[in-house]
N, C-alpha and C. Protein backbone atom coordinates (compact mmCIF):
# COMPACT_ATOMS: atom_id res chain seq x y z
N MET A 1 0.84 -1.19 -0.01
CA MET A 1 0.00 0.00 -0.01
C MET A 1 0.88 1.24 -0.01
N ASP A 2 0.56 2.19 -0.86
CA ASP A 2 1.31 3.44 -0.95
C ASP A 2 1.09 4.27 0.28
N LYS A 3 2.13 4.93 0.73
CA LYS A 3 2.03 5.84 1.86
C LYS A 3 1.74 7.23 1.35
N PRO A 4 1.11 8.09 2.18
CA PRO A 4 0.89 9.48 1.75
C PRO A 4 2.22 10.14 1.39
N PHE A 5 2.21 10.99 0.39
CA PHE A 5 3.36 11.75 -0.10
C PHE A 5 4.47 10.88 -0.69
N GLN A 6 4.12 9.64 -1.01
CA GLN A 6 5.08 8.76 -1.66
C GLN A 6 4.62 8.49 -3.07
N ARG A 7 5.55 8.47 -4.01
CA ARG A 7 5.19 8.23 -5.40
C ARG A 7 4.55 6.86 -5.52
N LYS A 8 3.41 6.81 -6.21
CA LYS A 8 2.68 5.54 -6.38
C LYS A 8 3.57 4.49 -7.04
N GLY A 9 3.52 3.29 -6.48
CA GLY A 9 4.26 2.18 -7.04
C GLY A 9 5.73 2.13 -6.67
N SER A 10 6.19 3.09 -5.88
CA SER A 10 7.59 3.10 -5.53
C SER A 10 7.80 2.57 -4.13
N GLU A 11 8.97 2.01 -3.91
CA GLU A 11 9.32 1.50 -2.61
C GLU A 11 9.42 2.63 -1.59
N SER A 12 10.04 3.74 -2.00
CA SER A 12 10.17 4.93 -1.14
C SER A 12 10.58 6.10 -2.01
N ASN A 13 10.38 7.31 -1.50
CA ASN A 13 10.81 8.47 -2.26
C ASN A 13 12.35 8.51 -2.40
N THR A 14 13.02 8.00 -1.40
CA THR A 14 14.48 7.92 -1.47
C THR A 14 14.89 7.02 -2.62
N GLN A 15 14.17 5.91 -2.78
CA GLN A 15 14.47 4.98 -3.85
C GLN A 15 14.22 5.61 -5.22
N VAL A 16 13.15 6.42 -5.32
CA VAL A 16 12.89 7.14 -6.57
C VAL A 16 14.08 8.03 -6.91
N GLY A 17 14.57 8.75 -5.93
CA GLY A 17 15.73 9.62 -6.15
C GLY A 17 16.96 8.86 -6.57
N ARG A 18 17.19 7.69 -5.94
CA ARG A 18 18.34 6.86 -6.30
C ARG A 18 18.19 6.31 -7.74
N ASP A 19 16.97 5.92 -8.09
CA ASP A 19 16.74 5.35 -9.40
C ASP A 19 16.92 6.41 -10.51
N PHE A 20 16.66 7.65 -10.17
CA PHE A 20 16.79 8.72 -11.15
C PHE A 20 18.24 9.21 -11.13
N GLU A 21 19.04 8.56 -11.91
CA GLU A 21 20.46 8.92 -11.94
C GLU A 21 20.80 9.52 -13.28
N ALA A 22 21.29 10.71 -13.24
CA ALA A 22 21.70 11.40 -14.45
C ALA A 22 23.06 10.92 -14.93
N LYS A 23 23.72 10.16 -14.09
CA LYS A 23 25.09 9.72 -14.39
C LYS A 23 25.21 9.05 -15.75
N ASP A 24 24.28 8.16 -16.06
CA ASP A 24 24.31 7.45 -17.35
C ASP A 24 24.11 8.40 -18.51
N PHE A 25 23.18 9.31 -18.34
CA PHE A 25 22.91 10.30 -19.42
C PHE A 25 24.17 11.09 -19.71
N PHE A 26 24.80 11.65 -18.67
CA PHE A 26 26.00 12.45 -18.87
C PHE A 26 27.14 11.63 -19.46
N ALA A 27 27.26 10.38 -19.07
CA ALA A 27 28.30 9.50 -19.59
C ALA A 27 28.11 9.34 -21.11
N GLN A 28 26.87 9.24 -21.55
CA GLN A 28 26.61 9.13 -23.00
C GLN A 28 27.01 10.38 -23.72
N GLN A 29 27.07 11.50 -23.00
CA GLN A 29 27.49 12.78 -23.61
C GLN A 29 29.00 12.96 -23.48
N GLY A 30 29.68 11.97 -22.90
CA GLY A 30 31.14 12.05 -22.73
C GLY A 30 31.55 12.75 -21.47
N LEU A 31 30.62 12.98 -20.54
CA LEU A 31 30.92 13.63 -19.28
C LEU A 31 30.75 12.60 -18.17
N TYR A 32 31.85 12.10 -17.66
CA TYR A 32 31.83 11.02 -16.67
C TYR A 32 31.87 11.64 -15.28
N LEU A 33 30.75 11.53 -14.57
CA LEU A 33 30.60 12.18 -13.29
C LEU A 33 30.61 11.16 -12.15
N THR A 34 31.08 11.61 -11.01
CA THR A 34 31.15 10.78 -9.81
C THR A 34 30.01 11.14 -8.89
N PRO A 35 29.32 10.14 -8.36
CA PRO A 35 28.25 10.42 -7.36
C PRO A 35 28.85 10.96 -6.07
N GLY A 36 28.11 11.89 -5.45
CA GLY A 36 28.50 12.37 -4.12
C GLY A 36 29.77 13.17 -4.04
N ILE A 37 30.04 14.01 -5.04
CA ILE A 37 31.25 14.84 -5.01
C ILE A 37 31.07 15.93 -3.95
N THR A 38 32.12 16.18 -3.17
CA THR A 38 32.08 17.19 -2.14
C THR A 38 32.87 18.42 -2.59
N VAL A 39 32.21 19.58 -2.47
CA VAL A 39 32.82 20.85 -2.85
C VAL A 39 32.63 21.83 -1.69
N GLU A 40 33.64 22.63 -1.44
CA GLU A 40 33.54 23.66 -0.40
C GLU A 40 32.67 24.78 -0.93
N ILE A 41 31.58 25.10 -0.19
CA ILE A 41 30.68 26.19 -0.56
C ILE A 41 30.58 27.18 0.59
N GLY A 42 30.17 28.42 0.30
CA GLY A 42 29.97 29.35 1.39
C GLY A 42 29.79 30.78 0.93
N ILE A 43 29.17 31.56 1.78
CA ILE A 43 29.00 32.99 1.55
C ILE A 43 30.00 33.73 2.43
N ASN A 44 30.04 33.36 3.72
CA ASN A 44 31.00 33.88 4.69
C ASN A 44 31.76 32.69 5.26
N GLY A 45 32.84 32.31 4.61
CA GLY A 45 33.57 31.13 4.99
C GLY A 45 33.18 29.97 4.12
N TRP A 46 33.77 28.81 4.41
CA TRP A 46 33.55 27.63 3.57
C TRP A 46 33.17 26.42 4.40
N LYS A 47 32.34 25.58 3.80
CA LYS A 47 31.92 24.36 4.44
C LYS A 47 31.70 23.34 3.33
N PRO A 48 32.05 22.07 3.57
CA PRO A 48 31.85 21.07 2.51
C PRO A 48 30.36 20.78 2.32
N HIS A 49 30.00 20.62 1.02
CA HIS A 49 28.65 20.22 0.63
C HIS A 49 28.77 19.12 -0.41
N LYS A 50 27.95 18.07 -0.24
CA LYS A 50 27.99 16.96 -1.15
C LYS A 50 26.92 17.16 -2.22
N PHE A 51 27.36 17.27 -3.48
CA PHE A 51 26.47 17.37 -4.63
C PHE A 51 26.18 15.96 -5.16
N ASP A 52 25.03 15.81 -5.83
CA ASP A 52 24.66 14.47 -6.33
C ASP A 52 25.69 13.88 -7.26
N LEU A 53 26.19 14.69 -8.18
CA LEU A 53 27.17 14.26 -9.15
C LEU A 53 28.18 15.37 -9.38
N GLY A 54 29.34 14.98 -9.87
CA GLY A 54 30.30 16.04 -10.21
C GLY A 54 31.62 15.52 -10.71
N ASP A 55 32.47 16.42 -11.10
CA ASP A 55 33.82 16.11 -11.52
C ASP A 55 34.70 17.27 -11.09
N GLU A 56 35.57 17.01 -10.15
CA GLU A 56 36.42 18.05 -9.58
C GLU A 56 37.39 18.62 -10.62
N LYS A 57 37.96 17.74 -11.46
CA LYS A 57 38.93 18.21 -12.46
C LYS A 57 38.27 19.05 -13.54
N LYS A 58 37.09 18.64 -14.01
CA LYS A 58 36.39 19.38 -15.04
C LYS A 58 35.50 20.50 -14.45
N LYS A 59 35.48 20.59 -13.13
CA LYS A 59 34.71 21.62 -12.43
C LYS A 59 33.23 21.61 -12.83
N VAL A 60 32.59 20.45 -12.57
CA VAL A 60 31.17 20.29 -12.85
C VAL A 60 30.48 19.81 -11.57
N ILE A 61 29.33 20.40 -11.20
CA ILE A 61 28.54 19.93 -10.09
C ILE A 61 27.07 19.84 -10.56
N VAL A 62 26.39 18.80 -10.09
CA VAL A 62 25.03 18.53 -10.54
C VAL A 62 24.17 18.19 -9.32
N GLU A 63 22.98 18.77 -9.26
CA GLU A 63 21.96 18.37 -8.31
C GLU A 63 20.83 17.74 -9.15
N CYS A 64 20.34 16.60 -8.71
CA CYS A 64 19.28 15.87 -9.43
C CYS A 64 17.98 15.88 -8.61
N LYS A 65 16.88 16.15 -9.28
CA LYS A 65 15.57 16.16 -8.63
C LYS A 65 14.59 15.35 -9.48
N ALA A 66 13.95 14.36 -8.88
CA ALA A 66 13.01 13.48 -9.59
C ALA A 66 11.58 13.76 -9.15
N HIS A 67 11.25 15.01 -8.93
CA HIS A 67 9.92 15.35 -8.44
C HIS A 67 8.89 15.43 -9.58
N THR A 68 7.63 15.23 -9.22
CA THR A 68 6.52 15.29 -10.18
C THR A 68 5.41 16.19 -9.62
N TRP A 69 4.50 16.57 -10.52
CA TRP A 69 3.31 17.27 -10.07
C TRP A 69 2.57 16.38 -9.09
N THR A 70 1.76 16.98 -8.24
CA THR A 70 0.97 16.14 -7.31
C THR A 70 -0.06 15.34 -8.11
N GLU A 71 -0.65 14.36 -7.47
CA GLU A 71 -1.65 13.51 -8.12
C GLU A 71 -2.78 14.33 -8.70
N GLY A 72 -3.11 15.42 -8.03
CA GLY A 72 -4.19 16.32 -8.50
C GLY A 72 -3.72 17.36 -9.49
N GLY A 73 -2.44 17.30 -9.89
CA GLY A 73 -1.92 18.23 -10.87
C GLY A 73 -1.46 19.55 -10.27
N ASN A 74 -1.31 19.59 -8.96
CA ASN A 74 -0.87 20.83 -8.30
C ASN A 74 0.64 20.85 -8.15
N VAL A 75 1.14 22.03 -7.79
CA VAL A 75 2.58 22.21 -7.57
C VAL A 75 2.99 21.50 -6.28
N PRO A 76 4.02 20.69 -6.34
CA PRO A 76 4.53 20.03 -5.11
C PRO A 76 5.41 21.01 -4.34
N SER A 77 4.77 22.00 -3.68
CA SER A 77 5.52 23.13 -3.11
C SER A 77 6.63 22.74 -2.16
N ALA A 78 6.40 21.76 -1.32
CA ALA A 78 7.47 21.39 -0.39
C ALA A 78 8.69 20.84 -1.15
N LYS A 79 8.44 20.10 -2.21
CA LYS A 79 9.56 19.57 -3.00
C LYS A 79 10.24 20.66 -3.81
N ILE A 80 9.45 21.60 -4.30
CA ILE A 80 10.02 22.72 -5.03
C ILE A 80 10.98 23.53 -4.14
N THR A 81 10.72 23.53 -2.87
CA THR A 81 11.60 24.20 -1.92
C THR A 81 13.01 23.62 -1.98
N THR A 82 13.13 22.32 -2.24
CA THR A 82 14.44 21.71 -2.36
C THR A 82 15.15 22.17 -3.63
N TRP A 83 14.39 22.55 -4.65
CA TRP A 83 14.98 23.12 -5.87
C TRP A 83 15.55 24.50 -5.52
N ASP A 84 14.79 25.27 -4.75
CA ASP A 84 15.28 26.58 -4.30
C ASP A 84 16.58 26.42 -3.49
N GLN A 85 16.58 25.42 -2.62
CA GLN A 85 17.77 25.15 -1.82
C GLN A 85 18.96 24.82 -2.71
N ALA A 86 18.73 24.03 -3.75
CA ALA A 86 19.79 23.68 -4.68
C ALA A 86 20.35 24.94 -5.33
N MET A 87 19.47 25.89 -5.66
CA MET A 87 19.92 27.17 -6.24
C MET A 87 20.82 27.93 -5.28
N PHE A 88 20.47 27.89 -4.02
CA PHE A 88 21.32 28.55 -3.02
C PHE A 88 22.68 27.87 -2.93
N PHE A 89 22.70 26.53 -2.95
CA PHE A 89 23.99 25.81 -2.92
C PHE A 89 24.83 26.17 -4.14
N PHE A 90 24.20 26.26 -5.31
CA PHE A 90 24.93 26.64 -6.52
C PHE A 90 25.46 28.07 -6.38
N HIS A 91 24.67 28.96 -5.82
CA HIS A 91 25.08 30.36 -5.62
C HIS A 91 26.31 30.41 -4.70
N ALA A 92 26.31 29.52 -3.69
CA ALA A 92 27.39 29.52 -2.69
C ALA A 92 28.62 28.70 -3.16
N ALA A 93 28.47 27.98 -4.28
CA ALA A 93 29.60 27.23 -4.79
C ALA A 93 30.60 28.16 -5.47
N PRO A 94 31.84 27.76 -5.52
CA PRO A 94 32.87 28.61 -6.13
C PRO A 94 32.54 28.90 -7.61
N SER A 95 32.93 30.10 -8.05
CA SER A 95 32.75 30.41 -9.45
C SER A 95 33.72 29.54 -10.27
N GLY A 96 33.40 29.40 -11.52
CA GLY A 96 34.24 28.58 -12.39
C GLY A 96 33.73 27.17 -12.54
N TYR A 97 32.72 26.80 -11.75
CA TYR A 97 32.12 25.46 -11.90
C TYR A 97 30.96 25.54 -12.90
N ARG A 98 30.80 24.50 -13.66
CA ARG A 98 29.58 24.33 -14.44
C ARG A 98 28.55 23.74 -13.48
N LYS A 99 27.42 24.43 -13.33
CA LYS A 99 26.41 24.07 -12.32
C LYS A 99 25.12 23.67 -13.03
N ILE A 100 24.66 22.44 -12.74
CA ILE A 100 23.50 21.90 -13.46
C ILE A 100 22.46 21.38 -12.47
N LEU A 101 21.22 21.87 -12.61
CA LEU A 101 20.07 21.28 -11.92
C LEU A 101 19.44 20.36 -12.95
N PHE A 102 19.43 19.07 -12.66
CA PHE A 102 18.95 18.04 -13.59
C PHE A 102 17.65 17.48 -13.03
N VAL A 103 16.52 17.78 -13.71
CA VAL A 103 15.22 17.42 -13.19
C VAL A 103 14.49 16.45 -14.10
N LEU A 104 13.63 15.66 -13.52
CA LEU A 104 12.82 14.72 -14.25
C LEU A 104 11.74 15.50 -15.03
N ARG A 105 11.52 15.15 -16.29
CA ARG A 105 10.48 15.80 -17.07
C ARG A 105 9.13 15.20 -16.65
N ASP A 106 8.22 16.06 -16.20
CA ASP A 106 6.86 15.65 -15.84
C ASP A 106 5.91 16.68 -16.38
N PHE A 107 5.15 16.32 -17.41
CA PHE A 107 4.23 17.22 -18.08
C PHE A 107 2.86 17.20 -17.42
N SER A 108 2.30 18.41 -17.22
CA SER A 108 0.95 18.56 -16.69
C SER A 108 0.02 18.97 -17.80
N GLN A 109 -0.98 18.13 -18.11
CA GLN A 109 -1.99 18.47 -19.10
C GLN A 109 -2.77 19.70 -18.61
N LYS A 110 -3.07 19.68 -17.34
CA LYS A 110 -3.84 20.76 -16.71
C LYS A 110 -3.18 22.13 -16.91
N ARG A 111 -1.85 22.16 -16.76
CA ARG A 111 -1.10 23.42 -16.84
C ARG A 111 -0.44 23.65 -18.18
N ASN A 112 -0.40 22.60 -18.99
CA ASN A 112 0.22 22.64 -20.31
C ASN A 112 1.71 23.04 -20.23
N GLU A 113 2.40 22.51 -19.24
CA GLU A 113 3.84 22.73 -19.11
C GLU A 113 4.43 21.67 -18.20
N THR A 114 5.74 21.52 -18.26
CA THR A 114 6.41 20.59 -17.39
C THR A 114 6.71 21.25 -16.05
N LEU A 115 7.02 20.45 -15.07
CA LEU A 115 7.38 20.98 -13.76
C LEU A 115 8.64 21.86 -13.87
N GLY A 116 9.59 21.39 -14.68
CA GLY A 116 10.82 22.19 -14.88
C GLY A 116 10.53 23.54 -15.54
N GLU A 117 9.70 23.52 -16.57
CA GLU A 117 9.32 24.79 -17.22
C GLU A 117 8.63 25.73 -16.24
N TYR A 118 7.74 25.15 -15.44
CA TYR A 118 7.03 25.94 -14.42
C TYR A 118 8.04 26.60 -13.46
N TYR A 119 9.00 25.79 -12.99
CA TYR A 119 9.97 26.32 -12.04
C TYR A 119 10.78 27.47 -12.64
N VAL A 120 11.26 27.28 -13.84
CA VAL A 120 12.07 28.32 -14.50
C VAL A 120 11.23 29.59 -14.75
N ARG A 121 9.98 29.40 -15.15
CA ARG A 121 9.09 30.54 -15.42
C ARG A 121 8.78 31.33 -14.16
N MET A 122 8.55 30.61 -13.06
CA MET A 122 8.14 31.27 -11.82
C MET A 122 9.29 31.78 -10.95
N ASN A 123 10.49 31.26 -11.17
CA ASN A 123 11.59 31.58 -10.27
C ASN A 123 12.88 32.08 -10.92
N PRO A 124 12.78 32.88 -11.97
CA PRO A 124 14.03 33.35 -12.61
C PRO A 124 14.88 34.17 -11.65
N HIS A 125 14.26 34.78 -10.65
CA HIS A 125 14.98 35.59 -9.65
C HIS A 125 15.80 34.74 -8.70
N LEU A 126 15.57 33.42 -8.67
CA LEU A 126 16.32 32.56 -7.76
C LEU A 126 17.40 31.75 -8.47
N ILE A 127 17.36 31.74 -9.80
CA ILE A 127 18.29 30.91 -10.54
C ILE A 127 19.52 31.74 -10.95
N PRO A 128 20.69 31.42 -10.35
CA PRO A 128 21.89 32.18 -10.70
C PRO A 128 22.17 32.09 -12.20
N ASP A 129 22.79 33.14 -12.75
CA ASP A 129 23.08 33.19 -14.16
C ASP A 129 23.94 32.06 -14.66
N ASP A 130 24.77 31.50 -13.78
CA ASP A 130 25.69 30.43 -14.22
C ASP A 130 25.13 29.02 -13.99
N VAL A 131 23.83 28.91 -13.72
CA VAL A 131 23.20 27.60 -13.51
C VAL A 131 22.41 27.19 -14.74
N GLU A 132 22.61 25.96 -15.16
CA GLU A 132 21.83 25.38 -16.23
C GLU A 132 20.76 24.49 -15.63
N VAL A 133 19.53 24.60 -16.14
CA VAL A 133 18.45 23.73 -15.71
C VAL A 133 18.15 22.80 -16.86
N TRP A 134 18.37 21.49 -16.64
CA TRP A 134 18.14 20.47 -17.66
C TRP A 134 16.99 19.58 -17.22
N GLU A 135 16.20 19.19 -18.22
CA GLU A 135 15.03 18.34 -17.96
C GLU A 135 15.23 17.01 -18.70
N TYR A 136 15.10 15.93 -17.96
CA TYR A 136 15.37 14.58 -18.47
C TYR A 136 14.07 13.85 -18.74
N ASP A 137 13.91 13.36 -19.95
CA ASP A 137 12.74 12.58 -20.36
C ASP A 137 13.12 11.10 -20.24
N GLU A 138 12.56 10.43 -19.23
CA GLU A 138 12.93 9.02 -18.98
C GLU A 138 12.54 8.13 -20.15
N LYS A 139 11.38 8.38 -20.74
CA LYS A 139 10.90 7.51 -21.83
C LYS A 139 11.79 7.60 -23.07
N GLN A 140 12.24 8.80 -23.37
CA GLN A 140 13.09 9.01 -24.55
C GLN A 140 14.58 8.90 -24.24
N ALA A 141 14.92 8.92 -22.95
CA ALA A 141 16.32 8.91 -22.50
C ALA A 141 17.08 10.09 -23.13
N THR A 142 16.39 11.26 -23.16
CA THR A 142 16.99 12.47 -23.69
C THR A 142 16.81 13.59 -22.67
N ALA A 143 17.58 14.62 -22.86
CA ALA A 143 17.46 15.81 -21.97
C ALA A 143 17.64 17.06 -22.80
N LYS A 144 17.01 18.15 -22.31
CA LYS A 144 17.23 19.43 -22.95
C LYS A 144 17.30 20.50 -21.87
N GLU A 145 18.04 21.55 -22.21
CA GLU A 145 18.14 22.66 -21.29
C GLU A 145 16.90 23.51 -21.39
N ILE A 146 16.40 23.96 -20.23
CA ILE A 146 15.26 24.83 -20.17
C ILE A 146 15.79 26.24 -19.97
N LYS A 147 15.35 27.13 -20.80
CA LYS A 147 15.83 28.55 -20.72
C LYS A 147 14.77 29.38 -20.03
């Protein structure tokens, strides 16, 4: 039986996040990333933060989010907060890194847009200029940058 706030048919939300790995996609693009790369981030001082994927030599850090619209087609506001948090971590990361928010493509018929498109449209003030937002289509195994 599914638990409240858990994706239907999944063992756990943590498992959904683990299953959604951008690592394979990036490897197909010739970018071989390591899970759990730690980078010193900070506004006043430095503290280690573990990003989902990255490459220290190529200066790439990636945060992955596998969130979807709610069952009723509403915005998953609590989960979107973690996207905002990722933007803050990217802002606090050293300059010179390629910074990527890699999100699962989830289209809403009701809203006629994906969750990623919605986030970029509603939150341009939170997305640092040096952050790329990419949307991954699991069925097609393709991704595109959302502007």
